[in-house]
Amino acid sequence: MIKLLNNICKVAIIFLLTVSTSFAADKVKLRLNWMYYGSHAGFALGFVDGTYAKYGIDLDIRSGNGSSSAHRLVANKDSHFSYGSCGAMTDLVAKGAPLKSIGVIDAMGTEAILVKPDSGVKTIKDLKGKKILTTANAGVNTFFPIVLKNAGLKESDINITVVPDGALVSSYLQGSGGSVGILGGLDDKPAEIKANGGAQPVAFPYSDFGVNQVGYCIAAHNDTIKNNADIAKRFIKATMESYAKAEKNPDAAVNAIADIVGGSMAEDAGKAQSREVLDVTLGILYSGANKKKVLGLNVASDWDSMVKLMKEYNDLDKNAKSSDFYTNQFIN
């Protein structure tokens, strides 16, 4: 009888250990392209409402210092996944970074030149001889030379000045060094400018100058894709489920990011700014070529267009194939 009880106890202990182990969540670090803003609210919603936990993901969301920096941290294995400019990631991969896009959030680019309305700049050619601000690792820098070339300008025509991360909008508002504008995203920068007392900027979207690109993607290290595919699949499932929820209930997503960040982002004005930014992202979850509206899909024709553009203007390897830069193996 005692022996039977001992055996039952052993079986029970083994069962409990097995259950505990099988349900232990994997710690995953996500590196964002920038400090928290509305476009990130889908990630926040999935964290707050337990979607990532449901898929066995203990998510650590970290802010970043530009798309290129975020992607480099994944290439260096500091972080598991990054959210940032697909163009910036493609540029890094072409230079040897072992990365691929495993899912797309912003299916189309929102990059633009944003100019003060009182600067006298009415057309892009009016920027000749003017100073424009940017930050060192911003994905928006990747295609700027193409915009200028297609607009009939040379890079030497514009004085591009790099300012510290986090100081872009404040420097713009102060007209730092006589600057008239910035390079930034239409998804977040106009809302930030207005929230800080500035007027709606004049925008010259890159798409008006022949730059059609895949917007913002989730990148993973090639080793993760090859050797830890299960965690990548669960992360993508949770992320796409979270953004689908944000699409249906954007206010819940805004409240989630307010809960995480707190401060001014949790105030009414901060929530309104987040919602304005999130609405832009939710409006470009699917490109025109994504006929079946599969959330997160790396659309082959979209990547073909962007890679062709980079071969022509950004000295991308002529032998590179667009499929070198993405995989859809984790997209349902």
C-alpha atoms as a PDB file:
ATOM      1  CA  MET A   1       0.000   0.000   0.000  1.00  0.00           C
ATOM      2  CA  ILE A   2       2.821   2.356   0.963  1.00  0.00           C
ATOM      3  CA  LYS A   3       4.661   1.463  -2.236  1.00  0.00           C
ATOM      4  CA  LEU A   4       1.517   2.201  -4.269  1.00  0.00           C
ATOM      5  CA  LEU A   5       1.101   5.601  -2.579  1.00  0.00           C
ATOM      6  CA  ASN A   6       4.760   6.410  -3.246  1.00  0.00           C
ATOM      7  CA  ASN A   7       4.319   5.547  -6.911  1.00  0.00           C
ATOM      8  CA  ILE A   8       1.160   7.673  -7.108  1.00  0.00           C
ATOM      9  CA  CYS A   9       3.030  10.590  -5.527  1.00  0.00           C
ATOM     10  CA  LYS A  10       5.890  10.204  -8.005  1.00  0.00           C
ATOM     11  CA  VAL A  11       3.477  10.164 -10.925  1.00  0.00           C
ATOM     12  CA  ALA A  12       1.718  13.251  -9.558  1.00  0.00           C
ATOM     13  CA  ILE A  13       5.008  15.117  -9.141  1.00  0.00           C
ATOM     14  CA  ILE A  14       6.110  14.213 -12.666  1.00  0.00           C
ATOM     15  CA  PHE A  15       2.720  15.353 -14.012  1.00  0.00           C
ATOM     16  CA  LEU A  16       2.932  18.690 -12.212  1.00  0.00           C
ATOM     17  CA  LEU A  17       6.487  19.271 -13.399  1.00  0.00           C
ATOM     18  CA  THR A  18       5.480  18.406 -16.968  1.00  0.00           C
ATOM     19  CA  VAL A  19       2.490  20.752 -16.892  1.00  0.00           C
ATOM     20  CA  SER A  20       4.577  23.546 -15.371  1.00  0.00           C
ATOM     21  CA  THR A  21       7.272  23.108 -18.001  1.00  0.00           C
ATOM     22  CA  SER A  22       4.876  22.845 -20.939  1.00  0.00           C
ATOM     23  CA  PHE A  23       3.098  26.040 -19.928  1.00  0.00           C
ATOM     24  CA  ALA A  24       6.203  28.076 -19.109  1.00  0.00           C
ATOM     25  CA  ALA A  25       6.064  31.132 -21.340  1.00  0.00           C
ATOM     26  CA  ASP A  26       9.019  31.977 -23.576  1.00  0.00           C
ATOM     27  CA  LYS A  27      10.596  35.341 -22.836  1.00  0.00           C
ATOM     28  CA  VAL A  28      10.583  37.349 -26.053  1.00  0.00           C
ATOM     29  CA  LYS A  29      12.038  40.813 -26.615  1.00  0.00           C
ATOM     30  CA  LEU A  30      10.431  43.000 -29.272  1.00  0.00           C
ATOM     31  CA  ARG A  31      12.379  46.070 -30.343  1.00  0.00           C
ATOM     32  CA  LEU A  32      10.298  48.947 -31.707  1.00  0.00           C
ATOM     33  CA  ASN A  33      11.501  51.439 -34.277  1.00  0.00           C
ATOM     34  CA  TRP A  34      10.984  54.409 -31.991  1.00  0.00           C
ATOM     35  CA  MET A  35       9.593  55.575 -28.697  1.00  0.00           C
ATOM     36  CA  TYR A  36       6.028  54.396 -28.134  1.00  0.00           C
ATOM     37  CA  TYR A  37       3.410  55.905 -30.455  1.00  0.00           C
ATOM     38  CA  GLY A  38      -0.023  54.947 -31.741  1.00  0.00           C
ATOM     39  CA  SER A  39       1.121  52.522 -34.430  1.00  0.00           C
ATOM     40  CA  HIS A  40       2.502  50.290 -31.670  1.00  0.00           C
ATOM     41  CA  ALA A  41      -0.886  50.014 -29.959  1.00  0.00           C
ATOM     42  CA  GLY A  42      -1.615  46.586 -31.449  1.00  0.00           C
ATOM     43  CA  PHE A  43       1.399  45.119 -29.680  1.00  0.00           C
ATOM     44  CA  ALA A  44       0.290  46.812 -26.470  1.00  0.00           C
ATOM     45  CA  LEU A  45      -3.230  45.432 -26.773  1.00  0.00           C
ATOM     46  CA  GLY A  46      -1.944  41.890 -27.202  1.00  0.00           C
ATOM     47  CA  PHE A  47       0.250  42.289 -24.141  1.00  0.00           C
ATOM     48  CA  VAL A  48      -2.456  43.796 -21.927  1.00  0.00           C
ATOM     49  CA  ASP A  49      -5.322  41.488 -22.914  1.00  0.00           C
ATOM     50  CA  GLY A  50      -3.240  38.311 -22.660  1.00  0.00           C
ATOM     51  CA  THR A  51      -3.068  37.375 -26.346  1.00  0.00           C
ATOM     52  CA  TYR A  52       0.704  36.903 -26.257  1.00  0.00           C
ATOM     53  CA  ALA A  53       0.429  34.970 -22.996  1.00  0.00           C
ATOM     54  CA  LYS A  54      -2.168  32.706 -24.633  1.00  0.00           C
ATOM     55  CA  TYR A  55       0.461  31.732 -27.187  1.00  0.00           C
ATOM     56  CA  GLY A  56       3.103  31.140 -24.533  1.00  0.00           C
ATOM     57  CA  ILE A  57       4.897  34.455 -25.088  1.00  0.00           C
ATOM     58  CA  ASP A  58       6.180  36.537 -22.163  1.00  0.00           C
ATOM     59  CA  LEU A  59       6.581  39.735 -24.185  1.00  0.00           C
ATOM     60  CA  ASP A  60       9.083  42.469 -23.353  1.00  0.00           C
ATOM     61  CA  ILE A  61       8.357  45.509 -25.550  1.00  0.00           C
ATOM     62  CA  ARG A  62      11.305  47.889 -25.845  1.00  0.00           C
ATOM     63  CA  SER A  63      11.367  51.329 -27.461  1.00  0.00           C
ATOM     64  CA  GLY A  64      14.008  52.033 -30.105  1.00  0.00           C
ATOM     65  CA  ASN A  65      16.143  54.674 -31.808  1.00  0.00           C
ATOM     66  CA  GLY A  66      15.136  54.294 -35.428  1.00  0.00           C
ATOM     67  CA  SER A  67      14.317  51.408 -37.738  1.00  0.00           C
ATOM     68  CA  SER A  68      17.892  50.606 -38.710  1.00  0.00           C
ATOM     69  CA  SER A  69      18.940  50.506 -35.072  1.00  0.00           C
ATOM     70  CA  ALA A  70      16.010  48.237 -34.167  1.00  0.00           C
ATOM     71  CA  HIS A  71      16.814  45.791 -36.953  1.00  0.00           C
ATOM     72  CA  ARG A  72      20.519  45.782 -36.064  1.00  0.00           C
ATOM     73  CA  LEU A  73      19.666  44.756 -32.507  1.00  0.00           C
ATOM     74  CA  VAL A  74      17.916  41.692 -33.912  1.00  0.00           C
ATOM     75  CA  ALA A  75      20.843  40.979 -36.219  1.00  0.00           C
ATOM     76  CA  ASN A  76      23.117  41.168 -33.151  1.00  0.00           C
ATOM     77  CA  LYS A  77      20.711  38.921 -31.184  1.00  0.00           C
ATOM     78  CA  ASP A  78      20.017  41.550 -28.550  1.00  0.00           C
ATOM     79  CA  SER A  79      16.307  41.239 -29.394  1.00  0.00           C
ATOM     80  CA  HIS A  80      14.209  38.452 -30.904  1.00  0.00           C
ATOM     81  CA  PHE A  81      12.079  40.567 -33.234  1.00  0.00           C
ATOM     82  CA  SER A  82      11.996  44.138 -34.514  1.00  0.00           C
ATOM     83  CA  TYR A  83       9.288  46.376 -35.925  1.00  0.00           C
ATOM     84  CA  GLY A  84      10.635  48.898 -38.403  1.00  0.00           C
ATOM     85  CA  SER A  85      11.007  50.074 -41.978  1.00  0.00           C
ATOM     86  CA  CYS A  86      11.164  47.236 -44.512  1.00  0.00           C
ATOM     87  CA  GLY A  87      13.363  49.414 -46.711  1.00  0.00           C
ATOM     88  CA  ALA A  88      15.851  49.920 -43.883  1.00  0.00           C
ATOM     89  CA  MET A  89      15.857  46.163 -43.203  1.00  0.00           C
ATOM     90  CA  THR A  90      16.433  45.396 -46.888  1.00  0.00           C
ATOM     91  CA  ASP A  91      19.375  47.780 -46.947  1.00  0.00           C
ATOM     92  CA  LEU A  92      20.915  46.047 -43.914  1.00  0.00           C
ATOM     93  CA  VAL A  93      20.352  42.560 -45.340  1.00  0.00           C
ATOM     94  CA  ALA A  94      22.040  43.633 -48.576  1.00  0.00           C
ATOM     95  CA  LYS A  95      25.058  44.567 -46.435  1.00  0.00           C
ATOM     96  CA  GLY A  96      25.148  41.162 -44.744  1.00  0.00           C
ATOM     97  CA  ALA A  97      22.676  41.357 -41.842  1.00  0.00           C
ATOM     98  CA  PRO A  98      21.141  37.871 -41.283  1.00  0.00           C
ATOM     99  CA  LEU A  99      17.498  39.005 -41.230  1.00  0.00           C
ATOM    100  CA  LYS A 100      14.169  38.441 -42.945  1.00  0.00           C
ATOM    101  CA  SER A 101      10.737  39.986 -42.726  1.00  0.00           C
ATOM    102  CA  ILE A 102       8.351  37.425 -41.246  1.00  0.00           C
ATOM    103  CA  GLY A 103       5.273  39.660 -41.310  1.00  0.00           C
ATOM    104  CA  VAL A 104       4.111  43.097 -42.403  1.00  0.00           C
ATOM    105  CA  ILE A 105       2.066  45.550 -40.327  1.00  0.00           C
ATOM    106  CA  ASP A 106       2.122  48.763 -42.382  1.00  0.00           C
ATOM    107  CA  ALA A 107       1.759  47.305 -45.867  1.00  0.00           C
ATOM    108  CA  MET A 108       2.497  50.621 -47.556  1.00  0.00           C
ATOM    109  CA  GLY A 109       4.949  53.376 -46.804  1.00  0.00           C
ATOM    110  CA  THR A 110       3.912  56.624 -45.123  1.00  0.00           C
ATOM    111  CA  GLU A 111       7.253  58.375 -45.457  1.00  0.00           C
ATOM    112  CA  ALA A 112       7.309  62.029 -46.411  1.00  0.00           C
ATOM    113  CA  ILE A 113       9.100  65.345 -46.300  1.00  0.00           C
ATOM    114  CA  LEU A 114       7.183  67.472 -43.797  1.00  0.00           C
ATOM    115  CA  VAL A 115       7.588  71.235 -44.085  1.00  0.00           C
ATOM    116  CA  LYS A 116       6.428  74.166 -41.985  1.00  0.00           C
ATOM    117  CA  PRO A 117       3.414  75.845 -43.624  1.00  0.00           C
ATOM    118  CA  ASP A 118       4.963  79.309 -43.143  1.00  0.00           C
ATOM    119  CA  SER A 119       8.289  78.319 -44.730  1.00  0.00           C
ATOM    120  CA  GLY A 120       7.343  79.515 -48.214  1.00  0.00           C
ATOM    121  CA  VAL A 121       7.933  76.016 -49.606  1.00  0.00           C
ATOM    122  CA  LYS A 122       5.087  75.231 -52.021  1.00  0.00           C
ATOM    123  CA  THR A 123       6.678  72.554 -54.195  1.00  0.00           C
ATOM    124  CA  ILE A 124       9.449  70.096 -53.544  1.00  0.00           C
ATOM    125  CA  LYS A 125      11.782  72.073 -55.800  1.00  0.00           C
ATOM    126  CA  ASP A 126      11.434  74.999 -53.400  1.00  0.00           C
ATOM    127  CA  LEU A 127      13.534  72.929 -50.969  1.00  0.00           C
ATOM    128  CA  LYS A 128      16.680  73.649 -52.974  1.00  0.00           C
ATOM    129  CA  GLY A 129      19.199  75.317 -50.667  1.00  0.00           C
ATOM    130  CA  LYS A 130      17.044  74.643 -47.586  1.00  0.00           C
ATOM    131  CA  LYS A 131      17.858  72.687 -44.418  1.00  0.00           C
ATOM    132  CA  ILE A 132      15.899  69.525 -43.549  1.00  0.00           C
ATOM    133  CA  LEU A 133      16.264  67.606 -40.270  1.00  0.00           C
ATOM    134  CA  THR A 134      16.375  63.853 -39.702  1.00  0.00           C
ATOM    135  CA  THR A 135      17.768  61.313 -37.228  1.00  0.00           C
ATOM    136  CA  ALA A 136      20.659  58.956 -37.847  1.00  0.00           C
ATOM    137  CA  ASN A 137      18.878  55.589 -37.904  1.00  0.00           C
ATOM    138  CA  ALA A 138      15.502  56.606 -39.332  1.00  0.00           C
ATOM    139  CA  GLY A 139      14.110  54.318 -42.022  1.00  0.00           C
ATOM    140  CA  VAL A 140      12.842  57.432 -43.807  1.00  0.00           C
ATOM    141  CA  ASN A 141      16.421  58.163 -44.856  1.00  0.00           C
ATOM    142  CA  THR A 142      16.642  55.080 -47.098  1.00  0.00           C
ATOM    143  CA  PHE A 143      14.531  56.324 -50.000  1.00  0.00           C
ATOM    144  CA  PHE A 144      15.077  60.071 -49.657  1.00  0.00           C
ATOM    145  CA  PRO A 145      17.790  60.154 -52.376  1.00  0.00           C
ATOM    146  CA  ILE A 146      15.342  58.468 -54.775  1.00  0.00           C
ATOM    147  CA  VAL A 147      12.682  61.090 -54.045  1.00  0.00           C
ATOM    148  CA  LEU A 148      15.143  63.876 -54.806  1.00  0.00           C
ATOM    149  CA  LYS A 149      16.324  62.268 -58.037  1.00  0.00           C
ATOM    150  CA  ASN A 150      12.774  61.697 -59.261  1.00  0.00           C
ATOM    151  CA  ALA A 151      11.938  65.302 -58.386  1.00  0.00           C
ATOM    152  CA  GLY A 152      14.859  66.606 -60.444  1.00  0.00           C
ATOM    153  CA  LEU A 153      17.029  67.511 -57.449  1.00  0.00           C
ATOM    154  CA  LYS A 154      20.477  66.415 -56.325  1.00  0.00           C
ATOM    155  CA  GLU A 155      21.372  65.371 -52.796  1.00  0.00           C
ATOM    156  CA  SER A 156      23.751  68.332 -52.662  1.00  0.00           C
ATOM    157  CA  ASP A 157      20.782  70.652 -53.261  1.00  0.00           C
ATOM    158  CA  ILE A 158      19.434  69.940 -49.767  1.00  0.00           C
ATOM    159  CA  ASN A 159      21.191  70.490 -46.474  1.00  0.00           C
ATOM    160  CA  ILE A 160      20.330  67.374 -44.450  1.00  0.00           C
ATOM    161  CA  THR A 161      21.143  67.792 -40.763  1.00  0.00           C
ATOM    162  CA  VAL A 162      21.047  64.932 -38.256  1.00  0.00           C
ATOM    163  CA  VAL A 163      19.652  65.754 -34.812  1.00  0.00           C
ATOM    164  CA  PRO A 164      19.621  63.583 -31.668  1.00  0.00           C
ATOM    165  CA  ASP A 165      17.014  60.862 -31.318  1.00  0.00           C
ATOM    166  CA  GLY A 166      13.931  62.236 -29.618  1.00  0.00           C
ATOM    167  CA  ALA A 167      14.706  65.845 -30.549  1.00  0.00           C
ATOM    168  CA  LEU A 168      13.377  65.798 -34.103  1.00  0.00           C
ATOM    169  CA  VAL A 169       9.983  67.429 -33.570  1.00  0.00           C
ATOM    170  CA  SER A 170      11.191  69.936 -30.984  1.00  0.00           C
ATOM    171  CA  SER A 171      14.048  70.971 -33.308  1.00  0.00           C
ATOM    172  CA  TYR A 172      11.572  71.298 -36.174  1.00  0.00           C
ATOM    173  CA  LEU A 173       9.263  73.502 -34.118  1.00  0.00           C
ATOM    174  CA  GLN A 174      12.176  75.705 -33.063  1.00  0.00           C
ATOM    175  CA  GLY A 175      13.450  75.977 -36.631  1.00  0.00           C
ATOM    176  CA  SER A 176      16.827  74.704 -35.471  1.00  0.00           C
ATOM    177  CA  GLY A 177      19.650  76.154 -37.574  1.00  0.00           C
ATOM    178  CA  GLY A 178      17.174  77.717 -39.965  1.00  0.00           C
ATOM    179  CA  SER A 179      15.590  74.361 -40.856  1.00  0.00           C
ATOM    180  CA  VAL A 180      12.256  74.353 -42.669  1.00  0.00           C
ATOM    181  CA  GLY A 181      11.217  70.718 -42.317  1.00  0.00           C
ATOM    182  CA  ILE A 182      11.920  67.126 -41.375  1.00  0.00           C
ATOM    183  CA  LEU A 183      11.891  63.655 -42.847  1.00  0.00           C
ATOM    184  CA  GLY A 184       9.200  61.649 -41.078  1.00  0.00           C
ATOM    185  CA  GLY A 185       6.189  59.388 -41.280  1.00  0.00           C
ATOM    186  CA  LEU A 186       2.713  60.612 -42.076  1.00  0.00           C
ATOM    187  CA  ASP A 187       1.493  58.060 -39.560  1.00  0.00           C
ATOM    188  CA  ASP A 188       3.007  59.710 -36.484  1.00  0.00           C
ATOM    189  CA  LYS A 189       4.839  62.982 -37.094  1.00  0.00           C
ATOM    190  CA  PRO A 190       1.966  65.348 -38.063  1.00  0.00           C
ATOM    191  CA  ALA A 191       0.030  64.281 -34.967  1.00  0.00           C
ATOM    192  CA  GLU A 192       3.107  64.799 -32.787  1.00  0.00           C
ATOM    193  CA  ILE A 193       3.760  68.216 -34.316  1.00  0.00           C
ATOM    194  CA  LYS A 194       0.181  69.335 -33.657  1.00  0.00           C
ATOM    195  CA  ALA A 195       0.216  67.893 -30.135  1.00  0.00           C
ATOM    196  CA  ASN A 196       3.238  70.089 -29.405  1.00  0.00           C
ATOM    197  CA  GLY A 197       1.636  73.292 -30.627  1.00  0.00           C
ATOM    198  CA  GLY A 198       2.656  73.264 -34.272  1.00  0.00           C
ATOM    199  CA  ALA A 199       0.466  73.716 -37.330  1.00  0.00           C
ATOM    200  CA  GLN A 200      -0.391  70.907 -39.743  1.00  0.00           C
ATOM    201  CA  PRO A 201       2.756  70.555 -41.887  1.00  0.00           C
ATOM    202  CA  VAL A 202       2.872  70.631 -45.669  1.00  0.00           C
ATOM    203  CA  ALA A 203       3.587  67.067 -46.774  1.00  0.00           C
ATOM    204  CA  PHE A 204       5.451  65.737 -49.791  1.00  0.00           C
ATOM    205  CA  PRO A 205       4.763  61.969 -49.608  1.00  0.00           C
ATOM    206  CA  TYR A 206       7.470  59.764 -51.077  1.00  0.00           C
ATOM    207  CA  SER A 207       4.749  57.891 -52.977  1.00  0.00           C
ATOM    208  CA  ASP A 208       4.137  61.050 -55.044  1.00  0.00           C
ATOM    209  CA  PHE A 209       7.690  60.735 -56.377  1.00  0.00           C
ATOM    210  CA  GLY A 210       7.735  57.135 -57.549  1.00  0.00           C
ATOM    211  CA  VAL A 211       8.604  55.509 -54.232  1.00  0.00           C
ATOM    212  CA  ASN A 212       6.155  52.687 -53.648  1.00  0.00           C
ATOM    213  CA  GLN A 213       7.441  50.526 -50.856  1.00  0.00           C
ATOM    214  CA  VAL A 214       6.485  47.938 -48.318  1.00  0.00           C
ATOM    215  CA  GLY A 215       6.047  49.900 -45.105  1.00  0.00           C
ATOM    216  CA  TYR A 216       6.915  48.446 -41.700  1.00  0.00           C
ATOM    217  CA  CYS A 217       7.673  44.808 -41.084  1.00  0.00           C
ATOM    218  CA  ILE A 218       8.569  42.443 -38.280  1.00  0.00           C
ATOM    219  CA  ALA A 219      12.090  41.141 -38.761  1.00  0.00           C
ATOM    220  CA  ALA A 220      13.662  38.026 -37.277  1.00  0.00           C
ATOM    221  CA  HIS A 221      17.188  36.622 -37.277  1.00  0.00           C
ATOM    222  CA  ASN A 222      17.770  33.832 -39.788  1.00  0.00           C
ATOM    223  CA  ASP A 223      18.821  31.574 -36.913  1.00  0.00           C
ATOM    224  CA  THR A 224      15.456  32.116 -35.225  1.00  0.00           C
ATOM    225  CA  ILE A 225      13.637  31.261 -38.442  1.00  0.00           C
ATOM    226  CA  LYS A 226      15.715  28.119 -38.930  1.00  0.00           C
ATOM    227  CA  ASN A 227      16.209  26.853 -35.381  1.00  0.00           C
ATOM    228  CA  ASN A 228      13.362  28.338 -33.369  1.00  0.00           C
ATOM    229  CA  ALA A 229      10.522  28.441 -35.859  1.00  0.00           C
ATOM    230  CA  ASP A 230       7.919  27.571 -33.237  1.00  0.00           C
ATOM    231  CA  ILE A 231       8.500  30.745 -31.238  1.00  0.00           C
ATOM    232  CA  ALA A 232       8.420  32.841 -34.428  1.00  0.00           C
ATOM    233  CA  LYS A 233       5.141  31.226 -35.482  1.00  0.00           C
ATOM    234  CA  ARG A 234       3.538  31.818 -32.073  1.00  0.00           C
ATOM    235  CA  PHE A 235       4.773  35.409 -31.983  1.00  0.00           C
ATOM    236  CA  ILE A 236       3.355  36.158 -35.435  1.00  0.00           C
ATOM    237  CA  LYS A 237       0.050  34.460 -34.606  1.00  0.00           C
ATOM    238  CA  ALA A 238      -0.291  36.541 -31.443  1.00  0.00           C
ATOM    239  CA  THR A 239       0.725  39.755 -33.212  1.00  0.00           C
ATOM    240  CA  MET A 240      -1.687  39.372 -36.100  1.00  0.00           C
ATOM    241  CA  GLU A 241      -4.484  38.419 -33.729  1.00  0.00           C
ATOM    242  CA  SER A 242      -3.694  41.522 -31.670  1.00  0.00           C
ATOM    243  CA  TYR A 243      -3.758  43.859 -34.680  1.00  0.00           C
ATOM    244  CA  ALA A 244      -7.001  42.253 -35.894  1.00  0.00           C
ATOM    245  CA  LYS A 245      -8.477  43.113 -32.484  1.00  0.00           C
ATOM    246  CA  ALA A 246      -7.096  46.651 -32.747  1.00  0.00           C
ATOM    247  CA  GLU A 247      -8.726  46.956 -36.167  1.00  0.00           C
ATOM    248  CA  LYS A 248     -12.103  46.099 -34.608  1.00  0.00           C
ATOM    249  CA  ASN A 249     -11.625  48.095 -31.416  1.00  0.00           C
ATOM    250  CA  PRO A 250      -8.958  50.804 -31.813  1.00  0.00           C
ATOM    251  CA  ASP A 251      -9.937  52.535 -28.567  1.00  0.00           C
ATOM    252  CA  ALA A 252      -9.087  49.366 -26.617  1.00  0.00           C
ATOM    253  CA  ALA A 253      -5.655  49.383 -28.259  1.00  0.00           C
ATOM    254  CA  VAL A 254      -5.162  53.056 -27.400  1.00  0.00           C
ATOM    255  CA  ASN A 255      -6.127  52.368 -23.789  1.00  0.00           C
ATOM    256  CA  ALA A 256      -3.694  49.459 -23.693  1.00  0.00           C
ATOM    257  CA  ILE A 257      -0.710  51.531 -24.797  1.00  0.00           C
ATOM    258  CA  ALA A 258      -1.790  54.252 -22.352  1.00  0.00           C
ATOM    259  CA  ASP A 259      -1.749  51.652 -19.564  1.00  0.00           C
ATOM    260  CA  ILE A 260       1.773  50.543 -20.481  1.00  0.00           C
ATOM    261  CA  VAL A 261       3.355  53.946 -21.034  1.00  0.00           C
ATOM    262  CA  GLY A 262       1.352  56.132 -18.638  1.00  0.00           C
ATOM    263  CA  GLY A 263       2.208  59.818 -18.284  1.00  0.00           C
ATOM    264  CA  SER A 264       0.880  62.179 -20.944  1.00  0.00           C
ATOM    265  CA  MET A 265       0.011  59.214 -23.161  1.00  0.00           C
ATOM    266  CA  ALA A 266      -2.666  58.238 -20.624  1.00  0.00           C
ATOM    267  CA  GLU A 267      -4.244  61.708 -20.697  1.00  0.00           C
ATOM    268  CA  ASP A 268      -7.111  62.570 -23.027  1.00  0.00           C
ATOM    269  CA  ALA A 269      -4.884  64.549 -25.389  1.00  0.00           C
ATOM    270  CA  GLY A 270      -2.314  61.763 -25.471  1.00  0.00           C
ATOM    271  CA  LYS A 271      -4.985  59.177 -26.234  1.00  0.00           C
ATOM    272  CA  ALA A 272      -6.391  61.348 -29.009  1.00  0.00           C
ATOM    273  CA  GLN A 273      -2.926  61.629 -30.563  1.00  0.00           C
ATOM    274  CA  SER A 274      -2.394  57.862 -30.312  1.00  0.00           C
ATOM    275  CA  ARG A 275      -5.750  57.215 -31.941  1.00  0.00           C
ATOM    276  CA  GLU A 276      -4.977  59.582 -34.827  1.00  0.00           C
ATOM    277  CA  VAL A 277      -1.689  57.774 -35.460  1.00  0.00           C
ATOM    278  CA  LEU A 278      -3.170  54.291 -35.054  1.00  0.00           C
ATOM    279  CA  ASP A 279      -5.934  55.101 -37.532  1.00  0.00           C
ATOM    280  CA  VAL A 280      -3.293  55.749 -40.209  1.00  0.00           C
ATOM    281  CA  THR A 281      -1.648  52.386 -39.528  1.00  0.00           C
ATOM    282  CA  LEU A 282      -4.966  50.533 -39.506  1.00  0.00           C
ATOM    283  CA  GLY A 283      -5.754  52.152 -42.851  1.00  0.00           C
ATOM    284  CA  ILE A 284      -2.708  50.592 -44.515  1.00  0.00           C
ATOM    285  CA  LEU A 285      -2.720  47.075 -43.082  1.00  0.00           C
ATOM    286  CA  TYR A 286      -3.368  45.730 -46.575  1.00  0.00           C
ATOM    287  CA  SER A 287      -1.845  46.853 -49.851  1.00  0.00           C
ATOM    288  CA  GLY A 288      -3.887  46.933 -53.041  1.00  0.00           C
ATOM    289  CA  ALA A 289      -2.111  43.775 -54.179  1.00  0.00           C
ATOM    290  CA  ASN A 290      -3.182  41.865 -51.061  1.00  0.00           C
ATOM    291  CA  LYS A 291      -6.466  40.811 -52.700  1.00  0.00           C
ATOM    292  CA  LYS A 292      -7.519  38.332 -49.999  1.00  0.00           C
ATOM    293  CA  LYS A 293      -6.566  40.741 -47.201  1.00  0.00           C
ATOM    294  CA  VAL A 294      -4.346  38.311 -45.352  1.00  0.00           C
ATOM    295  CA  LEU A 295      -3.079  40.254 -42.346  1.00  0.00           C
ATOM    296  CA  GLY A 296       0.713  40.295 -42.126  1.00  0.00           C
ATOM    297  CA  LEU A 297       1.307  38.903 -45.613  1.00  0.00           C
ATOM    298  CA  ASN A 298       4.551  39.769 -47.386  1.00  0.00           C
ATOM    299  CA  VAL A 299       3.063  40.418 -50.841  1.00  0.00           C
ATOM    300  CA  ALA A 300       5.477  39.275 -53.549  1.00  0.00           C
ATOM    301  CA  SER A 301       4.628  42.012 -56.055  1.00  0.00           C
ATOM    302  CA  ASP A 302       5.028  44.732 -53.405  1.00  0.00           C
ATOM    303  CA  TRP A 303       8.475  43.442 -52.502  1.00  0.00           C
ATOM    304  CA  ASP A 304       9.380  43.076 -56.191  1.00  0.00           C
ATOM    305  CA  SER A 305       8.566  46.757 -56.761  1.00  0.00           C
ATOM    306  CA  MET A 306      10.564  47.946 -53.778  1.00  0.00           C
ATOM    307  CA  VAL A 307      13.602  45.793 -54.507  1.00  0.00           C
ATOM    308  CA  LYS A 308      13.575  46.891 -58.155  1.00  0.00           C
ATOM    309  CA  LEU A 309      13.560  50.487 -56.985  1.00  0.00           C
ATOM    310  CA  MET A 310      16.494  49.870 -54.627  1.00  0.00           C
ATOM    311  CA  LYS A 311      18.481  48.155 -57.368  1.00  0.00           C
ATOM    312  CA  GLU A 312      17.989  51.130 -59.631  1.00  0.00           C
ATOM    313  CA  TYR A 313      18.666  53.897 -57.145  1.00  0.00           C
ATOM    314  CA  ASN A 314      20.227  52.486 -53.960  1.00  0.00           C
ATOM    315  CA  ASP A 315      22.993  50.299 -55.401  1.00  0.00           C
ATOM    316  CA  LEU A 316      21.304  47.120 -54.211  1.00  0.00           C
ATOM    317  CA  ASP A 317      22.964  43.967 -55.570  1.00  0.00           C
ATOM    318  CA  LYS A 318      21.590  43.431 -59.075  1.00  0.00           C
ATOM    319  CA  ASN A 319      21.427  39.685 -58.420  1.00  0.00           C
ATOM    320  CA  ALA A 320      19.333  40.033 -55.272  1.00  0.00           C
ATOM    321  CA  LYS A 321      15.860  38.501 -55.399  1.00  0.00           C
ATOM    322  CA  SER A 322      12.998  40.036 -53.463  1.00  0.00           C
ATOM    323  CA  SER A 323      12.323  36.622 -51.905  1.00  0.00           C
ATOM    324  CA  ASP A 324      15.748  36.898 -50.213  1.00  0.00           C
ATOM    325  CA  PHE A 325      14.272  39.466 -47.848  1.00  0.00           C
ATOM    326  CA  TYR A 326      11.077  37.849 -46.554  1.00  0.00           C
ATOM    327  CA  THR A 327       9.263  34.627 -45.750  1.00  0.00           C
ATOM    328  CA  ASN A 328       5.560  33.876 -45.327  1.00  0.00           C
ATOM    329  CA  GLN A 329       6.075  30.548 -43.558  1.00  0.00           C
ATOM    330  CA  PHE A 330       4.546  31.884 -40.333  1.00  0.00           C
ATOM    331  CA  ILE A 331       1.545  33.604 -41.931  1.00  0.00           C
ATOM    332  CA  ASN A 332      -1.689  31.602 -42.022  1.00  0.00           C
END
